[in-house]
Amino acid sequence: IIAAIALTHRRRKDAKSQNPAQQIKVRREERVRL
């Protein structure tokens, strides 16, 4: 079962997802541009 999951698991390039760790580390200068 573990081998089947490891062989078939691929990261899709067309899928859109969010990374909470990067969202927490973001600064104000990166969000707003005057």
PDB file of all heavy atoms in Angstrom:
ATOM      1  N   ILE A   1       0.833  -1.208   0.000  1.00  0.00           N
ATOM      2  CA  ILE A   1       0.000   0.000   0.000  1.00  0.00           C
ATOM      3  C   ILE A   1       0.869   1.259   0.000  1.00  0.00           C
ATOM      4  O   ILE A   1       0.628   2.207  -0.755  1.00  0.00           O
ATOM      5  CB  ILE A   1      -0.949  -0.022   1.212  1.00  0.00           C
ATOM      6  CG1 ILE A   1      -1.990  -1.139   1.061  1.00  0.00           C
ATOM      7  CG2 ILE A   1      -1.650   1.323   1.369  1.00  0.00           C
ATOM      8  CD1 ILE A   1      -2.847  -1.312   2.287  1.00  0.00           C
ATOM      9  N   ILE A   2       1.910   1.269   0.839  1.00  0.00           N
ATOM     10  CA  ILE A   2       2.797   2.430   0.891  1.00  0.00           C
ATOM     11  C   ILE A   2       3.527   2.613  -0.437  1.00  0.00           C
ATOM     12  O   ILE A   2       3.683   3.741  -0.942  1.00  0.00           O
ATOM     13  CB  ILE A   2       3.786   2.277   2.053  1.00  0.00           C
ATOM     14  CG1 ILE A   2       3.030   2.268   3.391  1.00  0.00           C
ATOM     15  CG2 ILE A   2       4.823   3.398   2.043  1.00  0.00           C
ATOM     16  CD1 ILE A   2       3.914   2.012   4.591  1.00  0.00           C
ATOM     17  N   ALA A   3       3.964   1.514  -1.035  1.00  0.00           N
ATOM     18  CA  ALA A   3       4.655   1.603  -2.326  1.00  0.00           C
ATOM     19  C   ALA A   3       3.724   2.103  -3.420  1.00  0.00           C
ATOM     20  O   ALA A   3       4.126   2.918  -4.270  1.00  0.00           O
ATOM     21  CB  ALA A   3       5.228   0.237  -2.705  1.00  0.00           C
ATOM     22  N   ALA A   4       2.465   1.640  -3.406  1.00  0.00           N
ATOM     23  CA  ALA A   4       1.516   2.108  -4.418  1.00  0.00           C
ATOM     24  C   ALA A   4       1.232   3.596  -4.267  1.00  0.00           C
ATOM     25  O   ALA A   4       1.153   4.331  -5.262  1.00  0.00           O
ATOM     26  CB  ALA A   4       0.213   1.304  -4.309  1.00  0.00           C
ATOM     27  N   ILE A   5       1.111   4.069  -3.034  1.00  0.00           N
ATOM     28  CA  ILE A   5       0.881   5.504  -2.817  1.00  0.00           C
ATOM     29  C   ILE A   5       2.094   6.316  -3.247  1.00  0.00           C
ATOM     30  O   ILE A   5       1.979   7.378  -3.876  1.00  0.00           O
ATOM     31  CB  ILE A   5       0.535   5.761  -1.344  1.00  0.00           C
ATOM     32  CG1 ILE A   5      -0.792   5.094  -0.989  1.00  0.00           C
ATOM     33  CG2 ILE A   5       0.461   7.257  -1.057  1.00  0.00           C
ATOM     34  CD1 ILE A   5      -1.142   5.186   0.482  1.00  0.00           C
ATOM     35  N   ALA A   6       3.288   5.819  -2.928  1.00  0.00           N
ATOM     36  CA  ALA A   6       4.505   6.547  -3.299  1.00  0.00           C
ATOM     37  C   ALA A   6       4.716   6.587  -4.804  1.00  0.00           C
ATOM     38  O   ALA A   6       5.211   7.577  -5.348  1.00  0.00           O
ATOM     39  CB  ALA A   6       5.713   5.902  -2.622  1.00  0.00           C
ATOM     40  N   LEU A   7       4.330   5.525  -5.504  1.00  0.00           N
ATOM     41  CA  LEU A   7       4.521   5.493  -6.951  1.00  0.00           C
ATOM     42  C   LEU A   7       3.498   6.334  -7.694  1.00  0.00           C
ATOM     43  O   LEU A   7       3.780   6.905  -8.751  1.00  0.00           O
ATOM     44  CB  LEU A   7       4.461   4.046  -7.454  1.00  0.00           C
ATOM     45  CG  LEU A   7       5.641   3.152  -7.041  1.00  0.00           C
ATOM     46  CD1 LEU A   7       5.400   1.725  -7.504  1.00  0.00           C
ATOM     47  CD2 LEU A   7       6.948   3.678  -7.608  1.00  0.00           C
ATOM     48  N   THR A   8       2.292   6.401  -7.171  1.00  0.00           N
ATOM     49  CA  THR A   8       1.222   7.120  -7.874  1.00  0.00           C
ATOM     50  C   THR A   8       1.076   8.574  -7.444  1.00  0.00           C
ATOM     51  O   THR A   8       0.373   9.326  -8.114  1.00  0.00           O
ATOM     52  CB  THR A   8      -0.116   6.404  -7.665  1.00  0.00           C
ATOM     53  OG1 THR A   8      -0.398   6.303  -6.244  1.00  0.00           O
ATOM     54  CG2 THR A   8      -0.076   5.009  -8.263  1.00  0.00           C
ATOM     55  N   HIS A   9       1.704   8.962  -6.346  1.00  0.00           N
ATOM     56  CA  HIS A   9       1.556  10.344  -5.872  1.00  0.00           C
ATOM     57  C   HIS A   9       2.448  11.266  -6.688  1.00  0.00           C
ATOM     58  O   HIS A   9       3.671  11.104  -6.735  1.00  0.00           O
ATOM     59  CB  HIS A   9       1.921  10.437  -4.392  1.00  0.00           C
ATOM     60  CG  HIS A   9       1.758  11.816  -3.844  1.00  0.00           C
ATOM     61  ND1 HIS A   9       0.526  12.418  -3.662  1.00  0.00           N
ATOM     62  CD2 HIS A   9       2.674  12.742  -3.434  1.00  0.00           C
ATOM     63  CE1 HIS A   9       0.686  13.631  -3.184  1.00  0.00           C
ATOM     64  NE2 HIS A   9       1.978  13.854  -3.032  1.00  0.00           N
ATOM     65  N   ARG A  10       1.847  12.184  -7.353  1.00  0.00           N
ATOM     66  CA  ARG A  10       2.563  13.177  -8.145  1.00  0.00           C
ATOM     67  C   ARG A  10       2.006  14.568  -7.820  1.00  0.00           C
ATOM     68  O   ARG A  10       0.793  14.732  -7.634  1.00  0.00           O
ATOM     69  CB  ARG A  10       2.407  12.903  -9.644  1.00  0.00           C
ATOM     70  CG  ARG A  10       3.010  11.594 -10.113  1.00  0.00           C
ATOM     71  CD  ARG A  10       4.531  11.628 -10.068  1.00  0.00           C
ATOM     72  NE  ARG A  10       5.121  10.432 -10.624  1.00  0.00           N
ATOM     73  CZ  ARG A  10       5.349   9.327  -9.942  1.00  0.00           C
ATOM     74  NH1 ARG A  10       5.004   9.264  -8.666  1.00  0.00           N
ATOM     75  NH2 ARG A  10       5.910   8.276 -10.525  1.00  0.00           N
ATOM     76  N   ARG A  11       2.894  15.533  -7.773  1.00  0.00           N
ATOM     77  CA  ARG A  11       2.465  16.908  -7.536  1.00  0.00           C
ATOM     78  C   ARG A  11       1.972  17.507  -8.848  1.00  0.00           C
ATOM     79  O   ARG A  11       2.722  17.599  -9.824  1.00  0.00           O
ATOM     80  CB  ARG A  11       3.613  17.745  -6.977  1.00  0.00           C
ATOM     81  CG  ARG A  11       3.206  19.182  -6.636  1.00  0.00           C
ATOM     82  CD  ARG A  11       4.379  19.908  -6.060  1.00  0.00           C
ATOM     83  NE  ARG A  11       4.798  19.325  -4.803  1.00  0.00           N
ATOM     84  CZ  ARG A  11       4.250  19.624  -3.619  1.00  0.00           C
ATOM     85  NH1 ARG A  11       3.236  20.483  -3.556  1.00  0.00           N
ATOM     86  NH2 ARG A  11       4.699  19.057  -2.516  1.00  0.00           N
ATOM     87  N   ARG A  12       0.718  17.883  -8.879  1.00  0.00           N
ATOM     88  CA  ARG A  12       0.127  18.450 -10.075  1.00  0.00           C
ATOM     89  C   ARG A  12       0.517  19.913 -10.218  1.00  0.00           C
ATOM     90  O   ARG A  12       0.432  20.695  -9.275  1.00  0.00           O
ATOM     91  CB  ARG A  12      -1.391  18.311 -10.029  1.00  0.00           C
ATOM     92  CG  ARG A  12      -1.903  16.887 -10.017  1.00  0.00           C
ATOM     93  CD  ARG A  12      -3.408  16.831 -10.012  1.00  0.00           C
ATOM     94  NE  ARG A  12      -3.962  17.581 -11.121  1.00  0.00           N
ATOM     95  CZ  ARG A  12      -5.282  17.745 -11.319  1.00  0.00           C
ATOM     96  NH1 ARG A  12      -6.146  17.215 -10.478  1.00  0.00           N
ATOM     97  NH2 ARG A  12      -5.711  18.439 -12.341  1.00  0.00           N
ATOM     98  N   LYS A  13       0.941  20.261 -11.432  1.00  0.00           N
ATOM     99  CA  LYS A  13       1.343  21.636 -11.683  1.00  0.00           C
ATOM    100  C   LYS A  13       0.158  22.556 -11.944  1.00  0.00           C
ATOM    101  O   LYS A  13       0.265  23.768 -11.756  1.00  0.00           O
ATOM    102  CB  LYS A  13       2.287  21.671 -12.880  1.00  0.00           C
ATOM    103  CG  LYS A  13       3.586  20.905 -12.655  1.00  0.00           C
ATOM    104  CD  LYS A  13       4.498  20.989 -13.872  1.00  0.00           C
ATOM    105  CE  LYS A  13       5.801  20.242 -13.638  1.00  0.00           C
ATOM    106  NZ  LYS A  13       6.701  20.306 -14.821  1.00  0.00           N
ATOM    107  N   ASP A  14      -0.965  21.986 -12.411  1.00  0.00           N
ATOM    108  CA  ASP A  14      -2.122  22.819 -12.715  1.00  0.00           C
ATOM    109  C   ASP A  14      -3.025  23.030 -11.509  1.00  0.00           C
ATOM    110  O   ASP A  14      -4.017  23.761 -11.606  1.00  0.00           O
ATOM    111  CB  ASP A  14      -2.928  22.195 -13.858  1.00  0.00           C
ATOM    112  CG  ASP A  14      -3.368  20.776 -13.536  1.00  0.00           C
ATOM    113  OD1 ASP A  14      -2.815  20.181 -12.586  1.00  0.00           O
ATOM    114  OD2 ASP A  14      -4.268  20.264 -14.230  1.00  0.00           O
ATOM    115  N   ALA A  15      -2.725  22.405 -10.387  1.00  0.00           N
ATOM    116  CA  ALA A  15      -3.559  22.555  -9.201  1.00  0.00           C
ATOM    117  C   ALA A  15      -3.141  23.799  -8.419  1.00  0.00           C
ATOM    118  O   ALA A  15      -1.947  24.070  -8.247  1.00  0.00           O
ATOM    119  CB  ALA A  15      -3.456  21.314  -8.318  1.00  0.00           C
ATOM    120  N   LYS A  16      -4.112  24.549  -7.966  1.00  0.00           N
ATOM    121  CA  LYS A  16      -3.869  25.755  -7.198  1.00  0.00           C
ATOM    122  C   LYS A  16      -4.101  25.466  -5.723  1.00  0.00           C
ATOM    123  O   LYS A  16      -5.143  24.940  -5.343  1.00  0.00           O
ATOM    124  CB  LYS A  16      -4.784  26.888  -7.656  1.00  0.00           C
ATOM    125  CG  LYS A  16      -4.546  27.324  -9.103  1.00  0.00           C
ATOM    126  CD  LYS A  16      -5.461  28.472  -9.484  1.00  0.00           C
ATOM    127  CE  LYS A  16      -5.203  28.927 -10.908  1.00  0.00           C
ATOM    128  NZ  LYS A  16      -6.101  30.047 -11.305  1.00  0.00           N
ATOM    129  N   SER A  17      -3.113  25.820  -4.920  1.00  0.00           N
ATOM    130  CA  SER A  17      -3.215  25.579  -3.480  1.00  0.00           C
ATOM    131  C   SER A  17      -2.533  26.716  -2.732  1.00  0.00           C
ATOM    132  O   SER A  17      -1.791  27.513  -3.320  1.00  0.00           O
ATOM    133  CB  SER A  17      -2.573  24.239  -3.104  1.00  0.00           C
ATOM    134  OG  SER A  17      -1.201  24.228  -3.457  1.00  0.00           O
ATOM    135  N   GLN A  18      -2.780  26.793  -1.459  1.00  0.00           N
ATOM    136  CA  GLN A  18      -2.211  27.824  -0.602  1.00  0.00           C
ATOM    137  C   GLN A  18      -1.284  27.183   0.419  1.00  0.00           C
ATOM    138  O   GLN A  18      -1.543  26.076   0.910  1.00  0.00           O
ATOM    139  CB  GLN A  18      -3.314  28.599   0.123  1.00  0.00           C
ATOM    140  CG  GLN A  18      -4.230  29.373  -0.810  1.00  0.00           C
ATOM    141  CD  GLN A  18      -5.301  30.112  -0.059  1.00  0.00           C
ATOM    142  OE1 GLN A  18      -5.428  29.981   1.152  1.00  0.00           O
ATOM    143  NE2 GLN A  18      -6.072  30.907  -0.768  1.00  0.00           N
ATOM    144  N   ASN A  19      -0.215  27.906   0.725  1.00  0.00           N
ATOM    145  CA  ASN A  19       0.741  27.470   1.734  1.00  0.00           C
ATOM    146  C   ASN A  19       0.571  28.357   2.967  1.00  0.00           C
ATOM    147  O   ASN A  19       0.955  29.533   2.963  1.00  0.00           O
ATOM    148  CB  ASN A  19       2.168  27.570   1.197  1.00  0.00           C
ATOM    149  CG  ASN A  19       3.161  26.860   2.099  1.00  0.00           C
ATOM    150  OD1 ASN A  19       2.829  26.465   3.222  1.00  0.00           O
ATOM    151  ND2 ASN A  19       4.390  26.705   1.613  1.00  0.00           N
ATOM    152  N   PRO A  20      -0.006  27.845   4.042  1.00  0.00           N
ATOM    153  CA  PRO A  20      -0.216  28.690   5.234  1.00  0.00           C
ATOM    154  C   PRO A  20       1.074  29.225   5.826  1.00  0.00           C
ATOM    155  O   PRO A  20       1.091  30.325   6.378  1.00  0.00           O
ATOM    156  CB  PRO A  20      -0.926  27.729   6.203  1.00  0.00           C
ATOM    157  CG  PRO A  20      -1.552  26.688   5.325  1.00  0.00           C
ATOM    158  CD  PRO A  20      -0.607  26.512   4.184  1.00  0.00           C
ATOM    159  N   ALA A  21       2.168  28.456   5.731  1.00  0.00           N
ATOM    160  CA  ALA A  21       3.437  28.933   6.296  1.00  0.00           C
ATOM    161  C   ALA A  21       3.933  30.176   5.574  1.00  0.00           C
ATOM    162  O   ALA A  21       4.402  31.141   6.202  1.00  0.00           O
ATOM    163  CB  ALA A  21       4.490  27.816   6.218  1.00  0.00           C
ATOM    164  N   GLN A  22       3.827  30.205   4.268  1.00  0.00           N
ATOM    165  CA  GLN A  22       4.230  31.394   3.518  1.00  0.00           C
ATOM    166  C   GLN A  22       3.273  32.551   3.745  1.00  0.00           C
ATOM    167  O   GLN A  22       3.698  33.717   3.736  1.00  0.00           O
ATOM    168  CB  GLN A  22       4.295  31.058   2.027  1.00  0.00           C
ATOM    169  CG  GLN A  22       5.389  30.060   1.670  1.00  0.00           C
ATOM    170  CD  GLN A  22       5.434  29.785   0.190  1.00  0.00           C
ATOM    171  OE1 GLN A  22       4.620  30.300  -0.571  1.00  0.00           O
ATOM    172  NE2 GLN A  22       6.386  28.943  -0.238  1.00  0.00           N
ATOM    173  N   GLN A  23       2.016  32.290   3.958  1.00  0.00           N
ATOM    174  CA  GLN A  23       1.071  33.368   4.241  1.00  0.00           C
ATOM    175  C   GLN A  23       1.349  34.024   5.591  1.00  0.00           C
ATOM    176  O   GLN A  23       1.155  35.226   5.760  1.00  0.00           O
ATOM    177  CB  GLN A  23      -0.356  32.827   4.209  1.00  0.00           C
ATOM    178  CG  GLN A  23      -0.816  32.414   2.823  1.00  0.00           C
ATOM    179  CD  GLN A  23      -2.232  31.883   2.843  1.00  0.00           C
ATOM    180  OE1 GLN A  23      -2.769  31.538   3.885  1.00  0.00           O
ATOM    181  NE2 GLN A  23      -2.842  31.811   1.670  1.00  0.00           N
ATOM    182  N   ILE A  24       1.804  33.259   6.561  1.00  0.00           N
ATOM    183  CA  ILE A  24       2.108  33.827   7.875  1.00  0.00           C
ATOM    184  C   ILE A  24       3.375  34.679   7.826  1.00  0.00           C
ATOM    185  O   ILE A  24       3.480  35.724   8.475  1.00  0.00           O
ATOM    186  CB  ILE A  24       2.241  32.692   8.910  1.00  0.00           C
ATOM    187  CG1 ILE A  24       0.883  31.992   9.097  1.00  0.00           C
ATOM    188  CG2 ILE A  24       2.746  33.227  10.248  1.00  0.00           C
ATOM    189  CD1 ILE A  24       0.942  30.786   9.999  1.00  0.00           C
ATOM    190  N   LYS A  25       4.347  34.256   7.036  1.00  0.00           N
ATOM    191  CA  LYS A  25       5.625  34.962   6.956  1.00  0.00           C
ATOM    192  C   LYS A  25       5.584  36.202   6.058  1.00  0.00           C
ATOM    193  O   LYS A  25       6.589  36.911   5.959  1.00  0.00           O
ATOM    194  CB  LYS A  25       6.705  34.018   6.437  1.00  0.00           C
ATOM    195  CG  LYS A  25       7.001  32.858   7.366  1.00  0.00           C
ATOM    196  CD  LYS A  25       8.061  31.939   6.757  1.00  0.00           C
ATOM    197  CE  LYS A  25       8.343  30.762   7.674  1.00  0.00           C
ATOM    198  NZ  LYS A  25       9.359  29.845   7.091  1.00  0.00           N
ATOM    199  N   VAL A  26       4.470  36.480   5.408  1.00  0.00           N
ATOM    200  CA  VAL A  26       4.424  37.594   4.481  1.00  0.00           C
ATOM    201  C   VAL A  26       4.510  38.928   5.240  1.00  0.00           C
ATOM    202  O   VAL A  26       4.075  39.042   6.393  1.00  0.00           O
ATOM    203  CB  VAL A  26       3.129  37.514   3.646  1.00  0.00           C
ATOM    204  CG1 VAL A  26       1.916  37.860   4.492  1.00  0.00           C
ATOM    205  CG2 VAL A  26       3.218  38.418   2.431  1.00  0.00           C
ATOM    206  N   ARG A  27       5.100  39.958   4.607  1.00  0.00           N
ATOM    207  CA  ARG A  27       5.236  41.279   5.191  1.00  0.00           C
ATOM    208  C   ARG A  27       4.325  42.282   4.484  1.00  0.00           C
ATOM    209  O   ARG A  27       3.792  41.994   3.415  1.00  0.00           O
ATOM    210  CB  ARG A  27       6.702  41.749   5.105  1.00  0.00           C
ATOM    211  CG  ARG A  27       7.655  40.911   5.940  1.00  0.00           C
ATOM    212  CD  ARG A  27       9.094  41.376   5.768  1.00  0.00           C
ATOM    213  NE  ARG A  27       9.512  41.267   4.377  1.00  0.00           N
ATOM    214  CZ  ARG A  27      10.702  41.672   3.931  1.00  0.00           C
ATOM    215  NH1 ARG A  27      11.567  42.233   4.780  1.00  0.00           N
ATOM    216  NH2 ARG A  27      11.016  41.535   2.655  1.00  0.00           N
ATOM    217  N   ARG A  28       4.205  43.458   5.101  1.00  0.00           N
ATOM    218  CA  ARG A  28       3.309  44.453   4.536  1.00  0.00           C
ATOM    219  C   ARG A  28       3.821  44.953   3.198  1.00  0.00           C
ATOM    220  O   ARG A  28       3.045  45.215   2.290  1.00  0.00           O
ATOM    221  CB  ARG A  28       3.160  45.629   5.510  1.00  0.00           C
ATOM    222  CG  ARG A  28       2.189  46.704   5.027  1.00  0.00           C
ATOM    223  CD  ARG A  28       2.072  47.798   6.067  1.00  0.00           C
ATOM    224  NE  ARG A  28       3.347  48.464   6.237  1.00  0.00           N
ATOM    225  CZ  ARG A  28       3.762  49.512   5.486  1.00  0.00           C
ATOM    226  NH1 ARG A  28       2.976  49.976   4.519  1.00  0.00           N
ATOM    227  NH2 ARG A  28       4.919  50.089   5.704  1.00  0.00           N
ATOM    228  N   GLU A  29       5.130  45.051   3.031  1.00  0.00           N
ATOM    229  CA  GLU A  29       5.682  45.538   1.769  1.00  0.00           C
ATOM    230  C   GLU A  29       5.395  44.576   0.611  1.00  0.00           C
ATOM    231  O   GLU A  29       5.359  44.981  -0.557  1.00  0.00           O
ATOM    232  CB  GLU A  29       7.191  45.759   1.900  1.00  0.00           C
ATOM    233  CG  GLU A  29       7.588  46.887   2.836  1.00  0.00           C
ATOM    234  CD  GLU A  29       7.495  46.467   4.288  1.00  0.00           C
ATOM    235  OE1 GLU A  29       7.248  45.262   4.525  1.00  0.00           O
ATOM    236  OE2 GLU A  29       7.660  47.323   5.180  1.00  0.00           O
ATOM    237  N   GLU A  30       5.205  43.310   0.926  1.00  0.00           N
ATOM    238  CA  GLU A  30       4.931  42.337  -0.120  1.00  0.00           C
ATOM    239  C   GLU A  30       3.450  42.284  -0.495  1.00  0.00           C
ATOM    240  O   GLU A  30       3.104  41.743  -1.542  1.00  0.00           O
ATOM    241  CB  GLU A  30       5.390  40.950   0.338  1.00  0.00           C
ATOM    242  CG  GLU A  30       6.884  40.869   0.605  1.00  0.00           C
ATOM    243  CD  GLU A  30       7.280  39.508   1.151  1.00  0.00           C
ATOM    244  OE1 GLU A  30       6.364  38.687   1.388  1.00  0.00           O
ATOM    245  OE2 GLU A  30       8.489  39.265   1.346  1.00  0.00           O
ATOM    246  N   ARG A  31       2.609  42.820   0.362  1.00  0.00           N
ATOM    247  CA  ARG A  31       1.172  42.781   0.112  1.00  0.00           C
ATOM    248  C   ARG A  31       0.658  44.035  -0.590  1.00  0.00           C
ATOM    249  O   ARG A  31      -0.163  43.958  -1.485  1.00  0.00           O
ATOM    250  CB  ARG A  31       0.420  42.613   1.443  1.00  0.00           C
ATOM    251  CG  ARG A  31       0.542  41.255   2.072  1.00  0.00           C
ATOM    252  CD  ARG A  31      -0.290  40.237   1.355  1.00  0.00           C
ATOM    253  NE  ARG A  31      -0.309  38.950   2.037  1.00  0.00           N
ATOM    254  CZ  ARG A  31      -1.053  37.922   1.632  1.00  0.00           C
ATOM    255  NH1 ARG A  31      -1.815  38.049   0.569  1.00  0.00           N
ATOM    256  NH2 ARG A  31      -1.019  36.786   2.292  1.00  0.00           N
ATOM    257  N   VAL A  32       1.141  45.194  -0.141  1.00  0.00           N
ATOM    258  CA  VAL A  32       0.642  46.480  -0.633  1.00  0.00           C
ATOM    259  C   VAL A  32       1.777  47.207  -1.341  1.00  0.00           C
ATOM    260  O   VAL A  32       2.898  47.289  -0.811  1.00  0.00           O
ATOM    261  CB  VAL A  32       0.080  47.346   0.513  1.00  0.00           C
ATOM    262  CG1 VAL A  32      -0.443  48.658  -0.027  1.00  0.00           C
ATOM    263  CG2 VAL A  32      -1.021  46.582   1.249  1.00  0.00           C
ATOM    264  N   ARG A  33       1.507  47.744  -2.500  1.00  0.00           N
ATOM    265  CA  ARG A  33       2.487  48.532  -3.252  1.00  0.00           C
ATOM    266  C   ARG A  33       1.857  49.869  -3.630  1.00  0.00           C
ATOM    267  O   ARG A  33       0.800  49.899  -4.267  1.00  0.00           O
ATOM    268  CB  ARG A  33       2.937  47.773  -4.499  1.00  0.00           C
ATOM    269  CG  ARG A  33       4.046  48.499  -5.238  1.00  0.00           C
ATOM    270  CD  ARG A  33       4.552  47.654  -6.397  1.00  0.00           C
ATOM    271  NE  ARG A  33       3.483  47.402  -7.352  1.00  0.00           N
ATOM    272  CZ  ARG A  33       3.645  46.730  -8.500  1.00  0.00           C
ATOM    273  NH1 ARG A  33       4.846  46.229  -8.790  1.00  0.00           N
ATOM    274  NH2 ARG A  33       2.633  46.529  -9.316  1.00  0.00           N
ATOM    275  N   LEU A  34       2.486  50.948  -3.200  1.00  0.00           N
ATOM    276  CA  LEU A  34       2.002  52.294  -3.486  1.00  0.00           C
ATOM    277  C   LEU A  34       2.625  52.785  -4.785  1.00  0.00           C
ATOM    278  O   LEU A  34       3.855  52.764  -4.948  1.00  0.00           O
ATOM    279  CB  LEU A  34       2.357  53.238  -2.345  1.00  0.00           C
ATOM    280  CG  LEU A  34       1.774  52.866  -0.972  1.00  0.00           C
ATOM    281  CD1 LEU A  34       2.245  53.858   0.084  1.00  0.00           C
ATOM    282  CD2 LEU A  34       0.248  52.810  -1.038  1.00  0.00           C
TER     283      LEU A  34
END
